[in-house]
Amino acid sequence: MRPLPYPHFSLTQNSLDKTASFASKRAASLDQLSREDKKSIPAPLLDSGAAPEHSAEKTRSERVVLKSSKAWLGWLGGACVLLAVGVLFPYPAGAPDGNPFDPPRFSPFKVVKREVVSSTSVILTVQRYANGTEDLYKDMWDKGIWSVEVKQPELQIARSYTPLPPITPVGYSELRFLIRKEHKGEVSGYLHRLGLGSQIELRGPHPGFDIPEDVAEVVFIAGGTGIAPALQAAYTTLERRNTEARVRIVWSNRWRDDCQGGGQLDMIGRKEPGSIVQELEALQKRYPSRLMVDYFVDQENTFLNQKTIVQITQDSGRSNAQGPKLLFISGPEGFVNHFAGPKLWENGKEGQGVVAGVIGKMKLRDWTIWKL
């Protein structure tokens, strides 16, 4: 993601030029004094051996330098005050009693829960400072896939994160994020270190994809933390749409630790399912005929490939439901590029680009393909 522009404060060049010009003119006027005029200037306390005229000229020059220095320090002091204000209070807080998101600015939230879900991932639950009883995020959950920007205050950069769907019980002012600590990830590392009570700043929301009201099929290929938008799509389709649409989630991970218990039918030696797997299984229990989840784990030599995707799309295509068929790909950049080709910058913003990669070779018809 691109670095964010932040206001900064500096001394104006015009003011510095004026100060320098004033000092140089005063110095020049002293040089033009005659020797007799200089002798008439009362000498201050002198160091032994110093000539009176030199001392007088030096004294006046020092006064000029002192005045210009004071002016310069005045400007510098003012700039430091403004800079301190900018650092301590970089953005005004969002409206306390209304929408906590003010799109041009970041709004403060507080970390109220931190749950370790794997050796590399945590779920952070954040809450806006002004509590309320209204469902502030209802409009976004009704639409489908959306995200917010999270600011890393030390480096003044931000990254987009997708909130996990609400679970019961959950406060109307809460949002949950699945955070995986990435190698050299400036924002993910910062978020991974946050403890209870820490402040976090969010900006948004940013719509990603609106699930049509008459959607018939949703296939979601997710890599790693790409499961967050997959859960969003499943939640909106199953909970907020008055259709019999079916959802198929294909979740690929490098390590079993990231999807503990998922897809393991042999209960002997099976560990307690991880938090995300539990949420997927809860949705499956509510919608047993409409939601299927497939797990692939590199560590166990079960790899997602073209043959699997062909089979999944063909099975989904046999549904009698009428309406749009959606195929999403979400995950790390390399994952998305491999299966659907890279996104491209179009007209100054990130666009979908051409569908390439594994899915591009399949020549799928009647499917809307979308990269996240």
Protein backbone atom coordinates (compact mmCIF):
# COMPACT_ATOMS: atom_id res chain seq x y z
CA MET A 1 0.00 0.00 0.00
CA ARG A 2 1.10 3.52 -0.59
CA PRO A 3 2.51 5.70 2.21
CA LEU A 4 0.01 8.23 3.49
CA PRO A 5 0.57 11.98 3.16
CA TYR A 6 0.76 13.65 6.56
CA PRO A 7 0.92 17.36 7.34
CA HIS A 8 4.28 18.69 8.38
CA PHE A 9 5.54 22.05 9.59
CA SER A 10 8.69 23.88 8.60
CA LEU A 11 10.17 27.40 8.64
CA THR A 12 9.14 29.39 5.62
CA GLN A 13 12.01 30.23 3.31
CA ASN A 14 10.64 33.76 2.86
CA SER A 15 10.94 34.51 6.58
CA LEU A 16 14.50 33.16 6.74
CA ASP A 17 15.48 35.21 3.69
CA LYS A 18 14.11 38.38 5.33
CA THR A 19 16.07 37.69 8.54
CA ALA A 20 19.31 37.05 6.65
CA SER A 21 18.84 40.18 4.52
CA PHE A 22 18.29 42.33 7.64
CA ALA A 23 21.47 41.05 9.25
CA SER A 24 23.57 41.57 6.12
CA LYS A 25 22.31 45.17 5.70
CA ARG A 26 23.17 46.06 9.30
CA ALA A 27 26.64 44.55 8.90
CA ALA A 28 27.17 46.46 5.66
CA SER A 29 26.17 49.77 7.29
CA LEU A 30 28.87 49.29 9.96
CA ASP A 31 31.51 48.68 7.31
CA GLN A 32 30.66 52.03 5.70
CA LEU A 33 31.40 54.03 8.89
CA SER A 34 34.56 56.12 8.78
CA ARG A 35 37.36 55.47 11.25
CA GLU A 36 36.55 58.75 13.06
CA ASP A 37 32.88 57.75 13.38
CA LYS A 38 33.86 54.40 14.77
CA LYS A 39 36.10 56.06 17.39
CA SER A 40 33.13 58.05 18.64
CA ILE A 41 31.27 54.87 19.57
CA PRO A 42 31.58 54.21 23.35
CA ALA A 43 33.67 51.13 23.97
CA PRO A 44 32.18 48.44 26.20
CA LEU A 45 34.19 46.37 28.59
CA LEU A 46 37.12 45.18 26.51
CA ASP A 47 39.44 42.24 26.67
CA SER A 48 43.02 43.36 27.22
CA GLY A 49 44.90 44.14 24.03
CA ALA A 50 41.82 44.64 21.85
CA ALA A 51 41.74 47.83 19.73
CA PRO A 52 38.79 50.15 20.64
CA GLU A 53 37.50 50.51 17.09
CA HIS A 54 37.62 46.77 16.55
CA SER A 55 35.78 46.24 19.81
CA ALA A 56 33.06 48.75 18.91
CA GLU A 57 32.59 47.21 15.48
CA LYS A 58 32.56 43.74 17.00
CA THR A 59 30.02 44.80 19.63
CA ARG A 60 27.59 46.22 17.08
CA SER A 61 28.01 43.18 14.87
CA GLU A 62 27.28 40.94 17.82
CA ARG A 63 24.10 42.92 18.49
CA VAL A 64 22.98 42.40 14.92
CA VAL A 65 23.76 38.68 15.09
CA LEU A 66 22.03 38.41 18.45
CA LYS A 67 18.88 40.08 17.15
CA SER A 68 18.83 37.94 14.02
CA SER A 69 19.48 34.87 16.14
CA LYS A 70 16.59 35.76 18.42
CA ALA A 71 14.34 36.20 15.41
CA TRP A 72 15.54 32.89 13.97
CA LEU A 73 15.03 31.14 17.31
CA GLY A 74 11.56 32.65 17.54
CA TRP A 75 10.61 31.13 14.22
CA LEU A 76 12.23 27.83 15.21
CA GLY A 77 10.43 27.77 18.56
CA GLY A 78 7.09 28.35 16.87
CA ALA A 79 7.81 25.60 14.38
CA CYS A 80 8.76 23.21 17.18
CA VAL A 81 5.49 23.91 18.99
CA LEU A 82 3.51 23.27 15.83
CA LEU A 83 5.51 20.13 15.11
CA ALA A 84 4.93 18.84 18.64
CA VAL A 85 1.21 19.43 18.24
CA GLY A 86 1.30 17.62 14.91
CA VAL A 87 3.11 14.63 16.40
CA LEU A 88 1.03 14.34 19.56
CA PHE A 89 -2.28 15.07 17.85
CA PRO A 90 -1.78 14.20 14.18
CA TYR A 91 -5.48 13.92 13.39
CA PRO A 92 -8.64 15.00 15.16
CA ALA A 93 -10.63 12.18 16.68
CA GLY A 94 -13.76 10.98 14.91
CA ALA A 95 -17.17 12.21 16.01
CA PRO A 96 -17.85 10.57 19.42
CA ASP A 97 -21.61 10.14 19.04
CA GLY A 98 -21.94 9.46 15.32
CA ASN A 99 -20.11 7.41 12.74
CA PRO A 100 -16.69 6.64 14.24
CA PHE A 101 -15.17 6.72 10.77
CA ASP A 102 -14.38 10.14 9.34
CA PRO A 103 -12.98 9.21 5.90
CA PRO A 104 -10.41 12.02 5.58
CA ARG A 105 -9.01 11.33 9.04
CA PHE A 106 -8.02 8.49 11.32
CA SER A 107 -10.23 7.80 14.34
CA PRO A 108 -9.03 6.34 17.65
CA PHE A 109 -10.04 2.86 18.80
CA LYS A 110 -8.92 0.83 21.83
CA VAL A 111 -7.72 -2.79 21.88
CA VAL A 112 -10.15 -4.60 24.20
CA LYS A 113 -9.20 -8.22 23.44
CA ARG A 114 -6.15 -10.05 22.11
CA GLU A 115 -6.50 -13.73 21.24
CA VAL A 116 -3.58 -15.87 20.06
CA VAL A 117 -4.82 -18.17 17.28
CA SER A 118 -1.52 -19.62 16.03
CA SER A 119 2.21 -19.22 16.45
CA THR A 120 2.15 -16.29 14.01
CA SER A 121 -1.39 -14.90 14.23
CA VAL A 122 -3.64 -13.10 16.69
CA ILE A 123 -7.17 -11.75 16.58
CA LEU A 124 -7.41 -8.17 17.84
CA THR A 125 -10.78 -6.86 18.96
CA VAL A 126 -10.94 -3.07 18.95
CA GLN A 127 -13.63 -0.76 20.21
CA ARG A 128 -14.38 2.86 19.51
CA TYR A 129 -14.02 5.10 22.55
CA ALA A 130 -17.61 6.34 22.47
CA ASN A 131 -19.89 3.36 23.09
CA GLY A 132 -23.37 3.19 21.61
CA THR A 133 -26.30 0.86 21.04
CA GLU A 134 -26.71 1.40 17.30
CA ASP A 135 -25.16 -1.05 14.84
CA LEU A 136 -22.64 1.27 13.23
CA TYR A 137 -21.42 -1.29 10.71
CA LYS A 138 -24.77 -2.65 9.52
CA ASP A 139 -24.57 -0.89 6.16
CA MET A 140 -21.13 -2.33 5.45
CA TRP A 141 -22.10 -5.89 6.43
CA ASP A 142 -25.15 -5.57 4.20
CA LYS A 143 -22.98 -4.71 1.21
CA GLY A 144 -20.40 -7.49 1.32
CA ILE A 145 -16.61 -7.13 1.36
CA TRP A 146 -15.01 -4.05 2.90
CA SER A 147 -11.85 -2.95 4.71
CA VAL A 148 -10.35 -0.16 6.78
CA GLU A 149 -6.89 1.36 6.91
CA VAL A 150 -4.78 0.88 10.02
CA LYS A 151 -2.05 3.42 10.75
CA GLN A 152 1.45 2.63 11.95
CA PRO A 153 2.13 5.88 13.84
CA GLU A 154 5.89 5.47 14.14
CA LEU A 155 6.47 5.24 10.38
CA GLN A 156 3.33 7.19 9.37
CA ILE A 157 2.18 4.52 6.93
CA ALA A 158 -1.01 2.47 6.69
CA ARG A 159 -2.25 -0.86 5.41
CA SER A 160 -5.74 -2.14 4.68
CA TYR A 161 -7.23 -4.83 6.92
CA THR A 162 -10.53 -6.68 6.55
CA PRO A 163 -12.73 -6.93 9.67
CA LEU A 164 -13.96 -10.39 10.61
CA PRO A 165 -17.75 -10.80 10.69
CA PRO A 166 -19.50 -10.11 13.99
CA ILE A 167 -20.09 -13.00 16.36
CA THR A 168 -22.43 -13.33 19.33
CA PRO A 169 -22.01 -11.73 21.75
CA VAL A 170 -20.31 -8.73 20.18
CA GLY A 171 -20.66 -5.05 20.93
CA TYR A 172 -21.97 -2.75 18.24
CA SER A 173 -18.83 -0.66 18.63
CA GLU A 174 -16.38 -3.55 18.13
CA LEU A 175 -14.36 -4.73 15.15
CA ARG A 176 -12.15 -7.85 14.95
CA PHE A 177 -9.03 -8.29 12.83
CA LEU A 178 -6.96 -11.37 12.02
CA ILE A 179 -3.33 -10.22 12.19
CA ARG A 180 -0.49 -12.41 10.97
CA LYS A 181 3.01 -11.21 11.73
CA GLU A 182 4.76 -11.04 8.38
CA HIS A 183 8.51 -11.05 7.85
CA LYS A 184 9.60 -7.39 7.69
CA GLY A 185 5.95 -6.33 7.89
CA GLU A 186 6.00 -2.82 9.36
CA VAL A 187 2.28 -2.63 10.13
CA SER A 188 1.64 -6.30 10.96
CA GLY A 189 4.61 -6.31 13.36
CA TYR A 190 3.34 -3.16 15.04
CA LEU A 191 -0.17 -4.59 15.43
CA HIS A 192 1.15 -7.92 16.67
CA ARG A 193 2.91 -6.12 19.54
CA LEU A 194 -0.16 -4.22 20.76
CA GLY A 195 -1.51 -5.17 24.16
CA LEU A 196 -4.82 -4.64 25.91
CA GLY A 197 -5.72 -0.99 26.28
CA SER A 198 -3.49 0.14 23.42
CA GLN A 199 -4.81 2.79 21.07
CA ILE A 200 -5.16 2.04 17.39
CA GLU A 201 -6.19 4.45 14.63
CA LEU A 202 -8.49 3.44 11.77
CA ARG A 203 -9.65 5.17 8.63
CA GLY A 204 -12.39 4.10 6.26
CA PRO A 205 -14.47 2.18 5.55
CA HIS A 206 -13.43 1.24 2.02
CA PRO A 207 -15.95 -0.88 0.06
CA GLY A 208 -14.35 -3.79 -1.79
CA PHE A 209 -17.17 -5.67 -3.50
CA ASP A 210 -20.94 -5.51 -3.13
CA ILE A 211 -22.54 -8.97 -3.11
CA PRO A 212 -25.57 -8.82 -5.45
CA GLU A 213 -28.96 -9.42 -3.88
CA ASP A 214 -29.70 -12.20 -6.38
CA VAL A 215 -26.32 -13.95 -6.09
CA ALA A 216 -26.49 -17.68 -6.84
CA GLU A 217 -22.97 -19.02 -6.28
CA VAL A 218 -19.91 -17.80 -4.39
CA VAL A 219 -16.56 -19.61 -4.61
CA PHE A 220 -13.82 -18.07 -2.50
CA ILE A 221 -10.17 -19.12 -2.90
CA ALA A 222 -8.32 -17.84 0.15
CA GLY A 223 -4.65 -17.98 1.02
CA GLY A 224 -3.65 -17.45 4.65
CA THR A 225 -5.24 -14.28 6.08
CA GLY A 226 -7.31 -14.06 2.89
CA ILE A 227 -9.83 -16.04 4.93
CA ALA A 228 -11.04 -12.74 6.48
CA PRO A 229 -12.76 -11.43 3.31
CA ALA A 230 -13.92 -15.00 2.62
CA LEU A 231 -15.76 -14.97 5.95
CA GLN A 232 -17.19 -11.56 5.07
CA ALA A 233 -18.52 -12.87 1.74
CA ALA A 234 -19.98 -15.98 3.41
CA TYR A 235 -21.59 -13.96 6.20
CA THR A 236 -23.22 -11.45 3.84
CA THR A 237 -24.39 -14.12 1.39
CA LEU A 238 -25.80 -16.48 4.01
CA GLU A 239 -27.04 -14.06 6.65
CA ARG A 240 -28.03 -10.93 4.73
CA ARG A 241 -29.37 -12.25 1.40
CA ASN A 242 -32.85 -13.63 0.86
CA THR A 243 -31.72 -16.30 -1.59
CA GLU A 244 -30.66 -19.93 -1.52
CA ALA A 245 -27.18 -19.05 -2.73
CA ARG A 246 -24.41 -21.54 -2.01
CA VAL A 247 -20.93 -20.68 -0.77
CA ARG A 248 -17.74 -22.71 -1.20
CA ILE A 249 -14.59 -21.61 0.63
CA VAL A 250 -11.20 -23.06 -0.32
CA TRP A 251 -8.63 -22.18 2.35
CA SER A 252 -4.95 -22.82 1.66
CA ASN A 253 -2.24 -22.50 4.34
CA ARG A 254 1.42 -23.35 4.62
CA TRP A 255 1.13 -24.78 8.14
CA ARG A 256 -1.50 -26.80 9.96
CA ASP A 257 -1.06 -24.44 12.91
CA ASP A 258 -2.90 -21.72 10.94
CA CYS A 259 -6.05 -23.83 10.43
CA GLN A 260 -5.87 -26.23 13.35
CA GLY A 261 -8.56 -28.91 13.16
CA GLY A 262 -9.95 -27.78 9.82
CA GLY A 263 -10.98 -30.64 7.53
CA GLN A 264 -9.57 -33.31 9.84
CA LEU A 265 -12.20 -36.06 9.90
CA ASP A 266 -10.15 -38.45 12.00
CA MET A 267 -10.98 -37.38 15.55
CA ILE A 268 -8.16 -39.46 17.03
CA GLY A 269 -5.40 -37.07 17.99
CA ARG A 270 -7.27 -34.08 16.61
CA LYS A 271 -6.53 -30.92 18.53
CA GLU A 272 -9.18 -28.38 19.43
CA PRO A 273 -10.04 -26.36 16.30
CA GLY A 274 -8.59 -22.88 16.05
CA SER A 275 -10.79 -19.80 16.38
CA ILE A 276 -11.25 -19.24 12.65
CA VAL A 277 -12.04 -22.92 12.05
CA GLN A 278 -14.60 -22.75 14.85
CA GLU A 279 -16.30 -19.81 13.16
CA LEU A 280 -16.39 -21.65 9.84
CA GLU A 281 -17.83 -24.75 11.49
CA ALA A 282 -20.48 -22.66 13.27
CA LEU A 283 -21.61 -21.25 9.92
CA GLN A 284 -21.66 -24.75 8.44
CA LYS A 285 -23.93 -25.98 11.23
CA ARG A 286 -26.38 -23.17 10.54
CA TYR A 287 -26.26 -23.66 6.78
CA PRO A 288 -25.27 -27.32 6.23
CA SER A 289 -26.55 -27.48 2.65
CA ARG A 290 -25.31 -24.07 1.56
CA LEU A 291 -21.73 -23.80 2.88
CA MET A 292 -18.78 -26.07 2.12
CA VAL A 293 -15.20 -25.51 3.26
CA ASP A 294 -12.09 -27.20 1.85
CA TYR A 295 -8.71 -27.08 3.59
CA PHE A 296 -5.30 -27.40 1.92
CA VAL A 297 -2.08 -27.47 3.93
CA ASP A 298 1.34 -27.36 2.26
CA GLN A 299 2.91 -28.95 5.32
CA GLU A 300 0.74 -32.03 4.74
CA ASN A 301 1.40 -32.11 0.98
CA THR A 302 -2.18 -31.19 0.11
CA PHE A 303 -1.82 -28.47 -2.48
CA LEU A 304 -4.41 -26.35 -4.23
CA ASN A 305 -4.08 -26.70 -8.02
CA GLN A 306 -5.94 -26.19 -11.28
CA LYS A 307 -7.61 -29.61 -11.19
CA THR A 308 -9.16 -28.84 -7.81
CA ILE A 309 -10.44 -25.45 -8.92
CA VAL A 310 -11.97 -26.96 -12.08
CA GLN A 311 -13.80 -29.54 -10.01
CA ILE A 312 -15.06 -26.97 -7.50
CA THR A 313 -16.38 -24.58 -10.15
CA GLN A 314 -18.06 -27.42 -12.05
CA ASP A 315 -19.76 -28.74 -8.92
CA SER A 316 -20.94 -25.24 -8.02
CA GLY A 317 -22.18 -24.68 -11.54
CA ARG A 318 -24.73 -27.48 -11.20
CA SER A 319 -26.83 -25.44 -8.78
CA ASN A 320 -30.41 -24.69 -9.81
CA ALA A 321 -30.21 -21.20 -8.33
CA GLN A 322 -30.45 -18.42 -10.88
CA GLY A 323 -28.22 -15.37 -10.57
CA PRO A 324 -24.61 -14.18 -10.68
CA LYS A 325 -21.75 -16.59 -9.98
CA LEU A 326 -18.80 -15.04 -8.18
CA LEU A 327 -15.24 -16.34 -7.92
CA PHE A 328 -12.96 -14.46 -5.50
CA ILE A 329 -9.21 -14.82 -4.96
CA SER A 330 -7.68 -13.31 -1.85
CA GLY A 331 -4.42 -13.65 0.04
CA PRO A 332 -0.76 -12.62 -0.18
CA GLU A 333 0.30 -10.92 -3.40
CA GLY A 334 2.21 -13.97 -4.64
CA PHE A 335 -0.81 -16.19 -4.02
CA VAL A 336 -3.17 -13.91 -5.97
CA ASN A 337 -0.65 -13.48 -8.80
CA HIS A 338 -0.20 -17.24 -9.17
CA PHE A 339 -3.87 -18.09 -9.37
CA ALA A 340 -5.32 -15.02 -11.12
CA GLY A 341 -2.50 -12.77 -12.30
CA PRO A 342 -1.37 -9.46 -10.81
CA LYS A 343 -3.46 -6.38 -10.26
CA LEU A 344 -2.47 -3.30 -12.26
CA TRP A 345 -2.55 0.44 -11.67
CA GLU A 346 -5.25 1.94 -13.87
CA ASN A 347 -6.05 5.67 -14.01
CA GLY A 348 -4.10 6.38 -10.84
CA LYS A 349 -5.58 3.58 -8.73
CA GLU A 350 -5.23 -0.15 -8.31
CA GLY A 351 -7.35 -2.07 -10.80
CA GLN A 352 -8.15 -5.70 -11.46
CA GLY A 353 -5.92 -6.15 -14.49
CA VAL A 354 -6.24 -9.14 -16.80
CA VAL A 355 -7.28 -12.51 -15.37
CA ALA A 356 -4.19 -14.67 -15.84
CA GLY A 357 -2.36 -17.38 -13.92
CA VAL A 358 -4.02 -20.72 -13.17
CA ILE A 359 -7.58 -19.39 -13.44
CA GLY A 360 -6.81 -17.44 -16.59
CA LYS A 361 -5.94 -20.71 -18.35
CA MET A 362 -9.25 -22.27 -17.39
CA LYS A 363 -11.37 -19.95 -19.57
CA LEU A 364 -14.21 -19.96 -17.06
CA ARG A 365 -17.52 -18.81 -18.44
CA ASP A 366 -20.47 -17.35 -16.58
CA TRP A 367 -18.26 -16.46 -13.63
CA THR A 368 -17.35 -12.99 -12.38
CA ILE A 369 -13.74 -13.20 -11.19
CA TRP A 370 -12.53 -10.71 -8.62
CA LYS A 371 -9.09 -10.27 -7.03
CA LEU A 372 -8.82 -8.92 -3.50
